[in-house]
Protein backbone atom coordinates (compact mmCIF):
# COMPACT_ATOMS: atom_id res chain seq x y z
CA MET A 1 -83.92 168.97 39.48
CA ASN A 2 -86.76 167.48 41.51
CA PHE A 3 -86.46 164.24 43.45
CA ASP A 4 -89.26 162.10 44.84
CA TYR A 5 -88.56 161.43 48.53
CA THR A 6 -91.88 159.64 49.15
CA LEU A 7 -90.22 156.38 50.24
CA TYR A 8 -86.52 156.86 51.04
CA LEU A 9 -84.28 153.87 51.77
CA VAL A 10 -81.00 154.23 53.66
CA THR A 11 -79.09 150.97 53.42
CA ASP A 12 -77.69 149.13 56.43
CA ARG A 13 -76.49 145.61 55.69
CA GLN A 14 -76.44 144.76 59.40
CA LEU A 15 -80.23 145.27 59.65
CA MET A 16 -81.41 143.75 56.38
CA SER A 17 -83.10 140.38 56.11
CA CYS A 18 -81.97 139.62 52.52
CA ASP A 19 -78.90 137.68 51.53
CA SER A 20 -77.40 140.55 49.55
CA LEU A 21 -77.59 144.31 49.38
CA THR A 22 -78.61 144.22 45.73
CA GLU A 23 -81.51 141.89 46.56
CA ALA A 24 -82.63 144.27 49.32
CA VAL A 25 -82.45 147.25 46.95
CA GLU A 26 -84.40 145.40 44.26
CA GLN A 27 -87.10 144.41 46.76
CA ALA A 28 -87.28 148.01 47.96
CA ILE A 29 -87.76 149.26 44.39
CA LEU A 30 -90.45 146.67 43.73
CA GLY A 31 -92.10 147.73 46.98
CA GLY A 32 -92.32 151.35 45.84
CA CYS A 33 -89.07 152.89 47.05
CA THR A 34 -88.47 156.23 45.34
CA MET A 35 -84.97 157.10 46.60
CA ILE A 36 -81.98 155.01 47.78
CA GLN A 37 -79.04 156.18 49.85
CA LEU A 38 -76.13 153.77 49.99
CA ARG A 39 -74.74 154.18 53.49
CA GLU A 40 -72.30 151.50 54.54
CA LYS A 41 -69.90 152.90 57.11
CA GLU A 42 -67.98 149.68 57.73
CA LEU A 43 -66.72 149.20 54.16
CA SER A 44 -63.39 150.23 52.73
CA SER A 45 -63.48 152.73 49.87
CA LEU A 46 -63.04 149.96 47.30
CA GLU A 47 -65.74 147.78 48.87
CA PHE A 48 -68.11 150.76 48.98
CA TYR A 49 -67.40 151.55 45.33
CA ASN A 50 -68.07 147.93 44.33
CA GLN A 51 -71.37 147.94 46.25
CA ALA A 52 -72.32 151.26 44.62
CA VAL A 53 -71.68 149.82 41.15
CA ALA A 54 -73.80 146.76 41.98
CA VAL A 55 -76.65 148.94 43.34
CA LYS A 56 -76.50 151.17 40.26
CA GLN A 57 -76.91 148.08 38.05
CA VAL A 58 -80.13 147.30 39.92
CA THR A 59 -81.44 150.85 39.71
CA ASP A 60 -80.56 150.98 36.01
CA LYS A 61 -82.61 147.82 35.50
CA TYR A 62 -85.67 149.73 36.72
CA HIS A 63 -84.64 153.07 35.14
CA ARG A 64 -84.66 154.87 38.47
CA PHE A 65 -82.58 157.07 40.72
CA HIS A 66 -80.01 158.29 38.25
CA PRO A 67 -80.92 161.64 36.74
CA GLN A 68 -78.35 162.60 34.11
CA ASN A 69 -76.71 159.15 34.54
CA ARG A 70 -75.34 160.04 37.96
CA LEU A 71 -75.31 157.66 40.90
CA PHE A 72 -77.24 158.96 43.90
C-alpha cells in the first residue's frame, strides 16, 4: 500500500489557531494536506478515541486517508 506523504500534518491542539481540531483538519485537507497524524498526548484514551472518530468523519467527507476503511 502506497501513501502520499507530500504534506503531512501532525496535530497539536495547543499550537492550532482554529476553534476545533476538526476545523483545523478540514482546513488542512482543503489546503492540500495528504496525510494526517492525530497526536494528542494530553488526552485520556476516551477523549483521544472521540477526537479520532470526529477526525475520521472529516476525512471521510473528503474521501481521504482511510485505505481499506482504516483510520490512520
